[in-house]
Amino acid sequence: MKQPHLINFITAFVLVCAGLFSYFSNPLRPPTALIGVGLGLILLAMTPGLKSNNKIIAHVVVVLTLVFAIMTASMALKSRTEPDLEKRNRRLMVFGVMSLTCFAATGFYVAGFIDKRKQRQAGN
């Protein structure tokens, strides 16, 4: 993947949209629903660093994305026991979309790192 900043942008966009959907679809308007929005905005702020091949920012983006993927996957699994069917379906959808997007983005990032390393080694 030669353009990780595009993957980062797409991931951030999905997180912001899913977080806003979660916030506005819940009549209680829980502030915790905005965590995905916050992370999406942080990832968007790091996009220029990814575009300029900043290794530190790239690694921070990967770690944040992977940690959030694990957190949202565990929340999706926990929400399976929710007795309120509407709430359970909403949580499964939002957490599922967030976790799948973040796991996929992490895979693309790692594949890009491996590809860059192979190109560097082939150039030596």
PDB file of N, CA and C in Angstrom:
ATOM      1  N   MET A   1       0.854  -1.175   0.000  1.00  0.00           N
ATOM      2  CA  MET A   1       0.000   0.000   0.000  1.00  0.00           C
ATOM      3  C   MET A   1       0.891   1.226   0.000  1.00  0.00           C
ATOM      4  N   LYS A   2       0.913   1.902  -1.092  1.00  0.00           N
ATOM      5  CA  LYS A   2       1.808   3.042  -1.237  1.00  0.00           C
ATOM      6  C   LYS A   2       1.204   4.340  -0.716  1.00  0.00           C
ATOM      7  N   GLN A   3      -0.074   4.336  -0.376  1.00  0.00           N
ATOM      8  CA  GLN A   3      -0.725   5.551   0.095  1.00  0.00           C
ATOM      9  C   GLN A   3      -1.502   5.302   1.391  1.00  0.00           C
ATOM     10  N   PRO A   4      -0.779   5.138   2.504  1.00  0.00           N
ATOM     11  CA  PRO A   4      -1.470   4.869   3.769  1.00  0.00           C
ATOM     12  C   PRO A   4      -2.326   6.043   4.228  1.00  0.00           C
ATOM     13  N   HIS A   5      -2.021   7.238   3.744  1.00  0.00           N
ATOM     14  CA  HIS A   5      -2.822   8.388   4.150  1.00  0.00           C
ATOM     15  C   HIS A   5      -4.263   8.271   3.641  1.00  0.00           C
ATOM     16  N   LEU A   6      -4.474   7.605   2.513  1.00  0.00           N
ATOM     17  CA  LEU A   6      -5.844   7.404   2.025  1.00  0.00           C
ATOM     18  C   LEU A   6      -6.601   6.419   2.919  1.00  0.00           C
ATOM     19  N   ILE A   7      -5.923   5.343   3.308  1.00  0.00           N
ATOM     20  CA  ILE A   7      -6.547   4.384   4.230  1.00  0.00           C
ATOM     21  C   ILE A   7      -6.882   5.084   5.545  1.00  0.00           C
ATOM     22  N   ASN A   8      -5.970   5.913   6.024  1.00  0.00           N
ATOM     23  CA  ASN A   8      -6.184   6.645   7.263  1.00  0.00           C
ATOM     24  C   ASN A   8      -7.381   7.584   7.131  1.00  0.00           C
ATOM     25  N   PHE A   9      -7.484   8.267   6.004  1.00  0.00           N
ATOM     26  CA  PHE A   9      -8.600   9.194   5.783  1.00  0.00           C
ATOM     27  C   PHE A   9      -9.927   8.442   5.782  1.00  0.00           C
ATOM     28  N   ILE A  10      -9.973   7.317   5.082  1.00  0.00           N
ATOM     29  CA  ILE A  10     -11.200   6.517   5.015  1.00  0.00           C
ATOM     30  C   ILE A  10     -11.576   5.998   6.406  1.00  0.00           C
ATOM     31  N   THR A  11     -10.589   5.504   7.137  1.00  0.00           N
ATOM     32  CA  THR A  11     -10.837   5.001   8.488  1.00  0.00           C
ATOM     33  C   THR A  11     -11.371   6.108   9.381  1.00  0.00           C
ATOM     34  N   ALA A  12     -10.741   7.269   9.325  1.00  0.00           N
ATOM     35  CA  ALA A  12     -11.177   8.406  10.143  1.00  0.00           C
ATOM     36  C   ALA A  12     -12.602   8.812   9.775  1.00  0.00           C
ATOM     37  N   PHE A  13     -12.909   8.823   8.499  1.00  0.00           N
ATOM     38  CA  PHE A  13     -14.247   9.191   8.034  1.00  0.00           C
ATOM     39  C   PHE A  13     -15.293   8.210   8.576  1.00  0.00           C
ATOM     40  N   VAL A  14     -14.995   6.919   8.503  1.00  0.00           N
ATOM     41  CA  VAL A  14     -15.919   5.902   9.015  1.00  0.00           C
ATOM     42  C   VAL A  14     -16.112   6.065  10.525  1.00  0.00           C
ATOM     43  N   LEU A  15     -15.034   6.304  11.256  1.00  0.00           N
ATOM     44  CA  LEU A  15     -15.139   6.461  12.707  1.00  0.00           C
ATOM     45  C   LEU A  15     -15.986   7.678  13.080  1.00  0.00           C
ATOM     46  N   VAL A  16     -15.781   8.777  12.377  1.00  0.00           N
ATOM     47  CA  VAL A  16     -16.557   9.991  12.652  1.00  0.00           C
ATOM     48  C   VAL A  16     -18.036   9.746  12.344  1.00  0.00           C
ATOM     49  N   CYS A  17     -18.320   9.167  11.191  1.00  0.00           N
ATOM     50  CA  CYS A  17     -19.716   8.907  10.805  1.00  0.00           C
ATOM     51  C   CYS A  17     -20.390   7.921  11.760  1.00  0.00           C
ATOM     52  N   ALA A  18     -19.715   6.834  12.091  1.00  0.00           N
ATOM     53  CA  ALA A  18     -20.296   5.835  12.993  1.00  0.00           C
ATOM     54  C   ALA A  18     -20.502   6.418  14.388  1.00  0.00           C
ATOM     55  N   GLY A  19     -19.546   7.198  14.850  1.00  0.00           N
ATOM     56  CA  GLY A  19     -19.680   7.821  16.171  1.00  0.00           C
ATOM     57  C   GLY A  19     -20.833   8.808  16.227  1.00  0.00           C
ATOM     58  N   LEU A  20     -20.974   9.620  15.174  1.00  0.00           N
ATOM     59  CA  LEU A  20     -22.085  10.569  15.138  1.00  0.00           C
ATOM     60  C   LEU A  20     -23.425   9.845  15.029  1.00  0.00           C
ATOM     61  N   PHE A  21     -23.458   8.780  14.234  1.00  0.00           N
ATOM     62  CA  PHE A  21     -24.689   7.987  14.145  1.00  0.00           C
ATOM     63  C   PHE A  21     -25.048   7.419  15.512  1.00  0.00           C
ATOM     64  N   SER A  22     -24.066   6.880  16.200  1.00  0.00           N
ATOM     65  CA  SER A  22     -24.301   6.297  17.520  1.00  0.00           C
ATOM     66  C   SER A  22     -24.809   7.356  18.492  1.00  0.00           C
ATOM     67  N   TYR A  23     -24.224   8.528  18.454  1.00  0.00           N
ATOM     68  CA  TYR A  23     -24.613   9.607  19.362  1.00  0.00           C
ATOM     69  C   TYR A  23     -26.042  10.073  19.096  1.00  0.00           C
ATOM     70  N   PHE A  24     -26.355  10.336  17.828  1.00  0.00           N
ATOM     71  CA  PHE A  24     -27.663  10.901  17.511  1.00  0.00           C
ATOM     72  C   PHE A  24     -28.779   9.864  17.442  1.00  0.00           C
ATOM     73  N   SER A  25     -28.431   8.588  17.302  1.00  0.00           N
ATOM     74  CA  SER A  25     -29.475   7.557  17.283  1.00  0.00           C
ATOM     75  C   SER A  25     -29.873   7.106  18.680  1.00  0.00           C
ATOM     76  N   ASN A  26     -29.110   7.518  19.668  1.00  0.00           N
ATOM     77  CA  ASN A  26     -29.425   7.174  21.051  1.00  0.00           C
ATOM     78  C   ASN A  26     -30.092   8.380  21.709  1.00  0.00           C
ATOM     79  N   PRO A  27     -31.321   8.242  22.184  1.00  0.00           N
ATOM     80  CA  PRO A  27     -32.017   9.390  22.776  1.00  0.00           C
ATOM     81  C   PRO A  27     -31.312   9.950  24.023  1.00  0.00           C
ATOM     82  N   LEU A  28     -30.474   9.151  24.664  1.00  0.00           N
ATOM     83  CA  LEU A  28     -29.773   9.631  25.859  1.00  0.00           C
ATOM     84  C   LEU A  28     -28.562  10.493  25.518  1.00  0.00           C
ATOM     85  N   ARG A  29     -28.116  10.464  24.258  1.00  0.00           N
ATOM     86  CA  ARG A  29     -26.946  11.221  23.786  1.00  0.00           C
ATOM     87  C   ARG A  29     -25.724  11.013  24.699  1.00  0.00           C
ATOM     88  N   PRO A  30     -25.274   9.755  24.812  1.00  0.00           N
ATOM     89  CA  PRO A  30     -24.141   9.486  25.707  1.00  0.00           C
ATOM     90  C   PRO A  30     -22.840  10.079  25.152  1.00  0.00           C
ATOM     91  N   PRO A  31     -22.099  10.790  25.975  1.00  0.00           N
ATOM     92  CA  PRO A  31     -20.841  11.380  25.501  1.00  0.00           C
ATOM     93  C   PRO A  31     -19.818  10.319  25.070  1.00  0.00           C
ATOM     94  N   THR A  32     -19.932   9.112  25.603  1.00  0.00           N
ATOM     95  CA  THR A  32     -18.982   8.064  25.215  1.00  0.00           C
ATOM     96  C   THR A  32     -19.148   7.668  23.750  1.00  0.00           C
ATOM     97  N   ALA A  33     -20.299   7.952  23.163  1.00  0.00           N
ATOM     98  CA  ALA A  33     -20.504   7.657  21.746  1.00  0.00           C
ATOM     99  C   ALA A  33     -19.620   8.531  20.869  1.00  0.00           C
ATOM    100  N   LEU A  34     -19.097   9.599  21.435  1.00  0.00           N
ATOM    101  CA  LEU A  34     -18.255  10.517  20.664  1.00  0.00           C
ATOM    102  C   LEU A  34     -16.773  10.134  20.696  1.00  0.00           C
ATOM    103  N   ILE A  35     -16.443   9.019  21.343  1.00  0.00           N
ATOM    104  CA  ILE A  35     -15.048   8.570  21.373  1.00  0.00           C
ATOM    105  C   ILE A  35     -14.557   8.268  19.958  1.00  0.00           C
ATOM    106  N   GLY A  36     -15.385   7.595  19.165  1.00  0.00           N
ATOM    107  CA  GLY A  36     -15.016   7.302  17.775  1.00  0.00           C
ATOM    108  C   GLY A  36     -14.813   8.569  16.973  1.00  0.00           C
ATOM    109  N   VAL A  37     -15.644   9.574  17.226  1.00  0.00           N
ATOM    110  CA  VAL A  37     -15.499  10.865  16.539  1.00  0.00           C
ATOM    111  C   VAL A  37     -14.163  11.492  16.917  1.00  0.00           C
ATOM    112  N   GLY A  38     -13.840  11.462  18.198  1.00  0.00           N
ATOM    113  CA  GLY A  38     -12.567  12.039  18.656  1.00  0.00           C
ATOM    114  C   GLY A  38     -11.372  11.341  18.036  1.00  0.00           C
ATOM    115  N   LEU A  39     -11.406  10.012  18.021  1.00  0.00           N
ATOM    116  CA  LEU A  39     -10.291   9.282  17.415  1.00  0.00           C
ATOM    117  C   LEU A  39     -10.215   9.558  15.920  1.00  0.00           C
ATOM    118  N   GLY A  40     -11.365   9.630  15.265  1.00  0.00           N
ATOM    119  CA  GLY A  40     -11.376   9.940  13.834  1.00  0.00           C
ATOM    120  C   GLY A  40     -10.741  11.292  13.554  1.00  0.00           C
ATOM    121  N   LEU A  41     -11.034  12.274  14.389  1.00  0.00           N
ATOM    122  CA  LEU A  41     -10.440  13.602  14.205  1.00  0.00           C
ATOM    123  C   LEU A  41      -8.936  13.587  14.464  1.00  0.00           C
ATOM    124  N   ILE A  42      -8.516  12.801  15.450  1.00  0.00           N
ATOM    125  CA  ILE A  42      -7.078  12.671  15.716  1.00  0.00           C
ATOM    126  C   ILE A  42      -6.382  12.021  14.519  1.00  0.00           C
ATOM    127  N   LEU A  43      -6.990  10.972  13.978  1.00  0.00           N
ATOM    128  CA  LEU A  43      -6.396  10.322  12.799  1.00  0.00           C
ATOM    129  C   LEU A  43      -6.344  11.275  11.614  1.00  0.00           C
ATOM    130  N   LEU A  44      -7.396  12.081  11.436  1.00  0.00           N
ATOM    131  CA  LEU A  44      -7.381  13.066  10.356  1.00  0.00           C
ATOM    132  C   LEU A  44      -6.245  14.070  10.539  1.00  0.00           C
ATOM    133  N   ALA A  45      -6.004  14.465  11.783  1.00  0.00           N
ATOM    134  CA  ALA A  45      -4.926  15.411  12.056  1.00  0.00           C
ATOM    135  C   ALA A  45      -3.558  14.805  11.754  1.00  0.00           C
ATOM    136  N   MET A  46      -3.452  13.484  11.817  1.00  0.00           N
ATOM    137  CA  MET A  46      -2.178  12.812  11.547  1.00  0.00           C
ATOM    138  C   MET A  46      -1.981  12.468  10.072  1.00  0.00           C
ATOM    139  N   THR A  47      -2.989  12.680   9.252  1.00  0.00           N
ATOM    140  CA  THR A  47      -2.904  12.336   7.833  1.00  0.00           C
ATOM    141  C   THR A  47      -1.744  13.030   7.120  1.00  0.00           C
ATOM    142  N   PRO A  48      -1.498  14.327   7.335  1.00  0.00           N
ATOM    143  CA  PRO A  48      -0.349  14.952   6.659  1.00  0.00           C
ATOM    144  C   PRO A  48       0.990  14.307   7.029  1.00  0.00           C
ATOM    145  N   GLY A  49       1.119  13.866   8.269  1.00  0.00           N
ATOM    146  CA  GLY A  49       2.341  13.181   8.693  1.00  0.00           C
ATOM    147  C   GLY A  49       2.513  11.852   7.984  1.00  0.00           C
ATOM    148  N   LEU A  50       1.420  11.139   7.783  1.00  0.00           N
ATOM    149  CA  LEU A  50       1.487   9.886   7.029  1.00  0.00           C
ATOM    150  C   LEU A  50       1.864  10.152   5.572  1.00  0.00           C
ATOM    151  N   LYS A  51       1.302  11.224   5.028  1.00  0.00           N
ATOM    152  CA  LYS A  51       1.565  11.550   3.619  1.00  0.00           C
ATOM    153  C   LYS A  51       3.033  11.897   3.399  1.00  0.00           C
ATOM    154  N   SER A  52       3.656  12.490   4.418  1.00  0.00           N
ATOM    155  CA  SER A  52       5.071  12.857   4.299  1.00  0.00           C
ATOM    156  C   SER A  52       6.003  11.748   4.789  1.00  0.00           C
ATOM    157  N   ASN A  53       5.457  10.537   5.016  1.00  0.00           N
ATOM    158  CA  ASN A  53       6.227   9.355   5.424  1.00  0.00           C
ATOM    159  C   ASN A  53       6.932   9.504   6.767  1.00  0.00           C
ATOM    160  N   ASN A  54       6.297  10.181   7.705  1.00  0.00           N
ATOM    161  CA  ASN A  54       6.834  10.301   9.056  1.00  0.00           C
ATOM    162  C   ASN A  54       6.631   8.969   9.772  1.00  0.00           C
ATOM    163  N   LYS A  55       7.732   8.303  10.103  1.00  0.00           N
ATOM    164  CA  LYS A  55       7.659   6.961  10.688  1.00  0.00           C
ATOM    165  C   LYS A  55       7.008   6.961  12.072  1.00  0.00           C
ATOM    166  N   ILE A  56       7.278   7.975  12.871  1.00  0.00           N
ATOM    167  CA  ILE A  56       6.716   8.032  14.218  1.00  0.00           C
ATOM    168  C   ILE A  56       5.197   8.154  14.147  1.00  0.00           C
ATOM    169  N   ILE A  57       4.726   9.069  13.313  1.00  0.00           N
ATOM    170  CA  ILE A  57       3.282   9.237  13.164  1.00  0.00           C
ATOM    171  C   ILE A  57       2.657   7.964  12.600  1.00  0.00           C
ATOM    172  N   ALA A  58       3.323   7.333  11.655  1.00  0.00           N
ATOM    173  CA  ALA A  58       2.797   6.096  11.074  1.00  0.00           C
ATOM    174  C   ALA A  58       2.618   5.029  12.145  1.00  0.00           C
ATOM    175  N   HIS A  59       3.595   4.895  13.015  1.00  0.00           N
ATOM    176  CA  HIS A  59       3.491   3.879  14.068  1.00  0.00           C
ATOM    177  C   HIS A  59       2.425   4.244  15.100  1.00  0.00           C
ATOM    178  N   VAL A  60       2.298   5.518  15.420  1.00  0.00           N
ATOM    179  CA  VAL A  60       1.260   5.956  16.358  1.00  0.00           C
ATOM    180  C   VAL A  60      -0.122   5.672  15.766  1.00  0.00           C
ATOM    181  N   VAL A  61      -0.293   5.956  14.472  1.00  0.00           N
ATOM    182  CA  VAL A  61      -1.577   5.695  13.809  1.00  0.00           C
ATOM    183  C   VAL A  61      -1.906   4.204  13.856  1.00  0.00           C
ATOM    184  N   VAL A  62      -0.923   3.363  13.588  1.00  0.00           N
ATOM    185  CA  VAL A  62      -1.162   1.916  13.607  1.00  0.00           C
ATOM    186  C   VAL A  62      -1.563   1.457  15.008  1.00  0.00           C
ATOM    187  N   VAL A  63      -0.859   1.912  16.019  1.00  0.00           N
ATOM    188  CA  VAL A  63      -1.161   1.489  17.394  1.00  0.00           C
ATOM    189  C   VAL A  63      -2.556   1.974  17.812  1.00  0.00           C
ATOM    190  N   LEU A  64      -2.859   3.236  17.546  1.00  0.00           N
ATOM    191  CA  LEU A  64      -4.184   3.760  17.904  1.00  0.00           C
ATOM    192  C   LEU A  64      -5.292   2.993  17.198  1.00  0.00           C
ATOM    193  N   THR A  65      -5.084   2.726  15.921  1.00  0.00           N
ATOM    194  CA  THR A  65      -6.096   2.022  15.141  1.00  0.00           C
ATOM    195  C   THR A  65      -6.287   0.598  15.647  1.00  0.00           C
ATOM    196  N   LEU A  66      -5.195  -0.087  15.936  1.00  0.00           N
ATOM    197  CA  LEU A  66      -5.296  -1.465  16.428  1.00  0.00           C
ATOM    198  C   LEU A  66      -5.942  -1.517  17.811  1.00  0.00           C
ATOM    199  N   VAL A  67      -5.562  -0.630  18.700  1.00  0.00           N
ATOM    200  CA  VAL A  67      -6.144  -0.620  20.049  1.00  0.00           C
ATOM    201  C   VAL A  67      -7.644  -0.337  19.971  1.00  0.00           C
ATOM    202  N   PHE A  68      -8.020   0.613  19.117  1.00  0.00           N
ATOM    203  CA  PHE A  68      -9.446   0.925  18.986  1.00  0.00           C
ATOM    204  C   PHE A  68     -10.205  -0.237  18.353  1.00  0.00           C
ATOM    205  N   ALA A  69      -9.571  -0.937  17.424  1.00  0.00           N
ATOM    206  CA  ALA A  69     -10.206  -2.109  16.815  1.00  0.00           C
ATOM    207  C   ALA A  69     -10.488  -3.173  17.872  1.00  0.00           C
ATOM    208  N   ILE A  70      -9.528  -3.405  18.731  1.00  0.00           N
ATOM    209  CA  ILE A  70      -9.703  -4.414  19.788  1.00  0.00           C
ATOM    210  C   ILE A  70     -10.787  -3.972  20.773  1.00  0.00           C
ATOM    211  N   MET A  71     -10.772  -2.701  21.142  1.00  0.00           N
ATOM    212  CA  MET A  71     -11.771  -2.187  22.082  1.00  0.00           C
ATOM    213  C   MET A  71     -13.181  -2.293  21.512  1.00  0.00           C
ATOM    214  N   THR A  72     -13.362  -1.876  20.268  1.00  0.00           N
ATOM    215  CA  THR A  72     -14.707  -1.903  19.685  1.00  0.00           C
ATOM    216  C   THR A  72     -15.170  -3.343  19.417  1.00  0.00           C
ATOM    217  N   ALA A  73     -14.235  -4.223  19.086  1.00  0.00           N
ATOM    218  CA  ALA A  73     -14.618  -5.632  18.901  1.00  0.00           C
ATOM    219  C   ALA A  73     -15.094  -6.225  20.222  1.00  0.00           C
ATOM    220  N   SER A  74     -14.400  -5.903  21.309  1.00  0.00           N
ATOM    221  CA  SER A  74     -14.833  -6.424  22.613  1.00  0.00           C
ATOM    222  C   SER A  74     -16.174  -5.816  23.024  1.00  0.00           C
ATOM    223  N   MET A  75     -16.400  -4.560  22.689  1.00  0.00           N
ATOM    224  CA  MET A  75     -17.697  -3.938  22.993  1.00  0.00           C
ATOM    225  C   MET A  75     -18.811  -4.580  22.168  1.00  0.00           C
ATOM    226  N   ALA A  76     -18.517  -4.924  20.926  1.00  0.00           N
ATOM    227  CA  ALA A  76     -19.519  -5.598  20.090  1.00  0.00           C
ATOM    228  C   ALA A  76     -19.866  -6.959  20.684  1.00  0.00           C
ATOM    229  N   LEU A  77     -18.853  -7.674  21.136  1.00  0.00           N
ATOM    230  CA  LEU A  77     -19.108  -8.986  21.741  1.00  0.00           C
ATOM    231  C   LEU A  77     -19.912  -8.862  23.029  1.00  0.00           C
ATOM    232  N   LYS A  78     -19.606  -7.862  23.832  1.00  0.00           N
ATOM    233  CA  LYS A  78     -20.334  -7.654  25.088  1.00  0.00           C
ATOM    234  C   LYS A  78     -21.787  -7.252  24.837  1.00  0.00           C
ATOM    235  N   SER A  79     -22.028  -6.545  23.755  1.00  0.00           N
ATOM    236  CA  SER A  79     -23.379  -6.047  23.508  1.00  0.00           C
ATOM    237  C   SER A  79     -24.327  -7.147  23.030  1.00  0.00           C
ATOM    238  N   ARG A  80     -23.804  -8.334  22.740  1.00  0.00           N
ATOM    239  CA  ARG A  80     -24.665  -9.446  22.310  1.00  0.00           C
ATOM    240  C   ARG A  80     -25.631  -9.874  23.400  1.00  0.00           C
ATOM    241  N   THR A  81     -25.317  -9.578  24.642  1.00  0.00           N
ATOM    242  CA  THR A  81     -26.179  -9.980  25.756  1.00  0.00           C
ATOM    243  C   THR A  81     -27.183  -8.894  26.142  1.00  0.00           C
ATOM    244  N   GLU A  82     -27.177  -7.789  25.437  1.00  0.00           N
ATOM    245  CA  GLU A  82     -28.104  -6.685  25.725  1.00  0.00           C
ATOM    246  C   GLU A  82     -29.547  -7.150  25.515  1.00  0.00           C
ATOM    247  N   PRO A  83     -30.400  -7.014  26.533  1.00  0.00           N
ATOM    248  CA  PRO A  83     -31.787  -7.494  26.378  1.00  0.00           C
ATOM    249  C   PRO A  83     -32.636  -6.630  25.434  1.00  0.00           C
ATOM    250  N   ASP A  84     -32.353  -5.332  25.346  1.00  0.00           N
ATOM    251  CA  ASP A  84     -33.106  -4.433  24.465  1.00  0.00           C
ATOM    252  C   ASP A  84     -32.640  -4.669  23.020  1.00  0.00           C
ATOM    253  N   LEU A  85     -33.517  -5.218  22.205  1.00  0.00           N
ATOM    254  CA  LEU A  85     -33.156  -5.622  20.840  1.00  0.00           C
ATOM    255  C   LEU A  85     -32.689  -4.447  19.984  1.00  0.00           C
ATOM    256  N   GLU A  86     -33.377  -3.315  20.078  1.00  0.00           N
ATOM    257  CA  GLU A  86     -32.987  -2.148  19.270  1.00  0.00           C
ATOM    258  C   GLU A  86     -31.595  -1.655  19.665  1.00  0.00           C
ATOM    259  N   LYS A  87     -31.364  -1.559  20.960  1.00  0.00           N
ATOM    260  CA  LYS A  87     -30.059  -1.100  21.451  1.00  0.00           C
ATOM    261  C   LYS A  87     -28.961  -2.091  21.064  1.00  0.00           C
ATOM    262  N   ARG A  88     -29.247  -3.389  21.205  1.00  0.00           N
ATOM    263  CA  ARG A  88     -28.266  -4.414  20.851  1.00  0.00           C
ATOM    264  C   ARG A  88     -27.903  -4.332  19.375  1.00  0.00           C
ATOM    265  N   ASN A  89     -28.896  -4.217  18.509  1.00  0.00           N
ATOM    266  CA  ASN A  89     -28.625  -4.141  17.073  1.00  0.00           C
ATOM    267  C   ASN A  89     -27.829  -2.890  16.708  1.00  0.00           C
ATOM    268  N   ARG A  90     -28.192  -1.769  17.324  1.00  0.00           N
ATOM    269  CA  ARG A  90     -27.470  -0.520  17.054  1.00  0.00           C
ATOM    270  C   ARG A  90     -26.007  -0.634  17.502  1.00  0.00           C
ATOM    271  N   ARG A  91     -25.796  -1.168  18.675  1.00  0.00           N
ATOM    272  CA  ARG A  91     -24.431  -1.297  19.190  1.00  0.00           C
ATOM    273  C   ARG A  91     -23.620  -2.293  18.368  1.00  0.00           C
ATOM    274  N   LEU A  92     -24.233  -3.424  18.010  1.00  0.00           N
ATOM    275  CA  LEU A  92     -23.528  -4.404  17.182  1.00  0.00           C
ATOM    276  C   LEU A  92     -23.124  -3.795  15.837  1.00  0.00           C
ATOM    277  N   MET A  93     -24.034  -3.035  15.242  1.00  0.00           N
ATOM    278  CA  MET A  93     -23.732  -2.426  13.952  1.00  0.00           C
ATOM    279  C   MET A  93     -22.603  -1.402  14.076  1.00  0.00           C
ATOM    280  N   VAL A  94     -22.736  -0.489  15.016  1.00  0.00           N
ATOM    281  CA  VAL A  94     -21.737   0.583  15.147  1.00  0.00           C
ATOM    282  C   VAL A  94     -20.377   0.012  15.535  1.00  0.00           C
ATOM    283  N   PHE A  95     -20.347  -0.823  16.566  1.00  0.00           N
ATOM    284  CA  PHE A  95     -19.068  -1.384  17.000  1.00  0.00           C
ATOM    285  C   PHE A  95     -18.493  -2.327  15.957  1.00  0.00           C
ATOM    286  N   GLY A  96     -19.359  -3.064  15.280  1.00  0.00           N
ATOM    287  CA  GLY A  96     -18.886  -3.963  14.230  1.00  0.00           C
ATOM    288  C   GLY A  96     -18.241  -3.206  13.080  1.00  0.00           C
ATOM    289  N   VAL A  97     -18.892  -2.150  12.631  1.00  0.00           N
ATOM    290  CA  VAL A  97     -18.334  -1.349  11.524  1.00  0.00           C
ATOM    291  C   VAL A  97     -17.009  -0.724  11.941  1.00  0.00           C
ATOM    292  N   MET A  98     -16.972  -0.172  13.150  1.00  0.00           N
ATOM    293  CA  MET A  98     -15.738   0.454  13.624  1.00  0.00           C
ATOM    294  C   MET A  98     -14.600  -0.562  13.734  1.00  0.00           C
ATOM    295  N   SER A  99     -14.883  -1.706  14.334  1.00  0.00           N
ATOM    296  CA  SER A  99     -13.806  -2.679  14.542  1.00  0.00           C
ATOM    297  C   SER A  99     -13.337  -3.279  13.218  1.00  0.00           C
ATOM    298  N   LEU A 100     -14.261  -3.618  12.326  1.00  0.00           N
ATOM    299  CA  LEU A 100     -13.843  -4.170  11.033  1.00  0.00           C
ATOM    300  C   LEU A 100     -13.026  -3.162  10.229  1.00  0.00           C
ATOM    301  N   THR A 101     -13.447  -1.917  10.254  1.00  0.00           N
ATOM    302  CA  THR A 101     -12.703  -0.875   9.543  1.00  0.00           C
ATOM    303  C   THR A 101     -11.299  -0.716  10.124  1.00  0.00           C
ATOM    304  N   CYS A 102     -11.211  -0.691  11.442  1.00  0.00           N
ATOM    305  CA  CYS A 102      -9.900  -0.508  12.077  1.00  0.00           C
ATOM    306  C   CYS A 102      -8.993  -1.722  11.885  1.00  0.00           C
ATOM    307  N   PHE A 103      -9.554  -2.936  11.966  1.00  0.00           N
ATOM    308  CA  PHE A 103      -8.730  -4.122  11.714  1.00  0.00           C
ATOM    309  C   PHE A 103      -8.236  -4.142  10.268  1.00  0.00           C
ATOM    310  N   ALA A 104      -9.112  -3.794   9.329  1.00  0.00           N
ATOM    311  CA  ALA A 104      -8.706  -3.756   7.917  1.00  0.00           C
ATOM    312  C   ALA A 104      -7.623  -2.697   7.693  1.00  0.00           C
ATOM    313  N   ALA A 105      -7.790  -1.531   8.291  1.00  0.00           N
ATOM    314  CA  ALA A 105      -6.790  -0.473   8.141  1.00  0.00           C
ATOM    315  C   ALA A 105      -5.449  -0.914   8.722  1.00  0.00           C
ATOM    316  N   THR A 106      -5.479  -1.557   9.881  1.00  0.00           N
ATOM    317  CA  THR A 106      -4.240  -2.053  10.483  1.00  0.00           C
ATOM    318  C   THR A 106      -3.553  -3.042   9.556  1.00  0.00           C
ATOM    319  N   GLY A 107      -4.329  -3.921   8.943  1.00  0.00           N
ATOM    320  CA  GLY A 107      -3.763  -4.873   7.983  1.00  0.00           C
ATOM    321  C   GLY A 107      -3.119  -4.176   6.804  1.00  0.00           C
ATOM    322  N   PHE A 108      -3.782  -3.147   6.271  1.00  0.00           N
ATOM    323  CA  PHE A 108      -3.209  -2.401   5.155  1.00  0.00           C
ATOM    324  C   PHE A 108      -1.921  -1.685   5.571  1.00  0.00           C
ATOM    325  N   TYR A 109      -1.920  -1.106   6.778  1.00  0.00           N
ATOM    326  CA  TYR A 109      -0.714  -0.422   7.254  1.00  0.00           C
ATOM    327  C   TYR A 109       0.454  -1.396   7.360  1.00  0.00           C
ATOM    328  N   VAL A 110       0.213  -2.536   7.981  1.00  0.00           N
ATOM    329  CA  VAL A 110       1.275  -3.528   8.171  1.00  0.00           C
ATOM    330  C   VAL A 110       1.759  -4.057   6.822  1.00  0.00           C
ATOM    331  N   ALA A 111       0.838  -4.314   5.908  1.00  0.00           N
ATOM    332  CA  ALA A 111       1.233  -4.765   4.570  1.00  0.00           C
ATOM    333  C   ALA A 111       2.096  -3.709   3.882  1.00  0.00           C
ATOM    334  N   GLY A 112       1.763  -2.447   4.073  1.00  0.00           N
ATOM    335  CA  GLY A 112       2.571  -1.364   3.506  1.00  0.00           C
ATOM    336  C   GLY A 112       3.962  -1.306   4.113  1.00  0.00           C
ATOM    337  N   PHE A 113       4.055  -1.509   5.441  1.00  0.00           N
ATOM    338  CA  PHE A 113       5.364  -1.526   6.093  1.00  0.00           C
ATOM    339  C   PHE A 113       6.222  -2.667   5.551  1.00  0.00           C
ATOM    340  N   ILE A 114       5.609  -3.828   5.407  1.00  0.00           N
ATOM    341  CA  ILE A 114       6.345  -4.985   4.882  1.00  0.00           C
ATOM    342  C   ILE A 114       6.803  -4.731   3.463  1.00  0.00           C
ATOM    343  N   ASP A 115       5.934  -4.142   2.647  1.00  0.00           N
ATOM    344  CA  ASP A 115       6.278  -3.836   1.258  1.00  0.00           C
ATOM    345  C   ASP A 115       7.440  -2.834   1.183  1.00  0.00           C
ATOM    346  N   LYS A 116       7.391  -1.809   2.018  1.00  0.00           N
ATOM    347  CA  LYS A 116       8.482  -0.817   2.027  1.00  0.00           C
ATOM    348  C   LYS A 116       9.804  -1.454   2.448  1.00  0.00           C
ATOM    349  N   ARG A 117       9.744  -2.343   3.436  1.00  0.00           N
ATOM    350  CA  ARG A 117      10.967  -3.008   3.889  1.00  0.00           C
ATOM    351  C   ARG A 117      11.541  -3.884   2.778  1.00  0.00           C
ATOM    352  N   LYS A 118      10.698  -4.616   2.070  1.00  0.00           N
ATOM    353  CA  LYS A 118      11.162  -5.444   0.968  1.00  0.00           C
ATOM    354  C   LYS A 118      11.787  -4.602  -0.136  1.00  0.00           C
ATOM    355  N   GLN A 119      11.187  -3.463  -0.436  1.00  0.00           N
ATOM    356  CA  GLN A 119      11.740  -2.580  -1.466  1.00  0.00           C
ATOM    357  C   GLN A 119      13.095  -2.025  -1.040  1.00  0.00           C
ATOM    358  N   ARG A 120      13.212  -1.685   0.246  1.00  0.00           N
ATOM    359  CA  ARG A 120      14.502  -1.181   0.757  1.00  0.00           C
ATOM    360  C   ARG A 120      15.575  -2.245   0.661  1.00  0.00           C
ATOM    361  N   GLN A 121      15.214  -3.484   1.036  1.00  0.00           N
ATOM    362  CA  GLN A 121      16.190  -4.573   1.003  1.00  0.00           C
ATOM    363  C   GLN A 121      16.554  -4.933  -0.436  1.00  0.00           C
ATOM    364  N   ALA A 122      15.628  -4.839  -1.353  1.00  0.00           N
ATOM    365  CA  ALA A 122      15.910  -5.134  -2.761  1.00  0.00           C
ATOM    366  C   ALA A 122      16.788  -4.061  -3.374  1.00  0.00           C
ATOM    367  N   GLY A 123      16.721  -2.845  -2.849  1.00  0.00           N
ATOM    368  CA  GLY A 123      17.532  -1.751  -3.369  1.00  0.00           C
ATOM    369  C   GLY A 123      18.973  -1.786  -2.893  1.00  0.00           C
ATOM    370  N   ASN A 124      19.255  -2.529  -1.843  1.00  0.00           N
ATOM    371  CA  ASN A 124      20.618  -2.577  -1.276  1.00  0.00           C
ATOM    372  C   ASN A 124      21.519  -3.476  -2.039  1.00  0.00           C
TER     373      ASN A 124
END
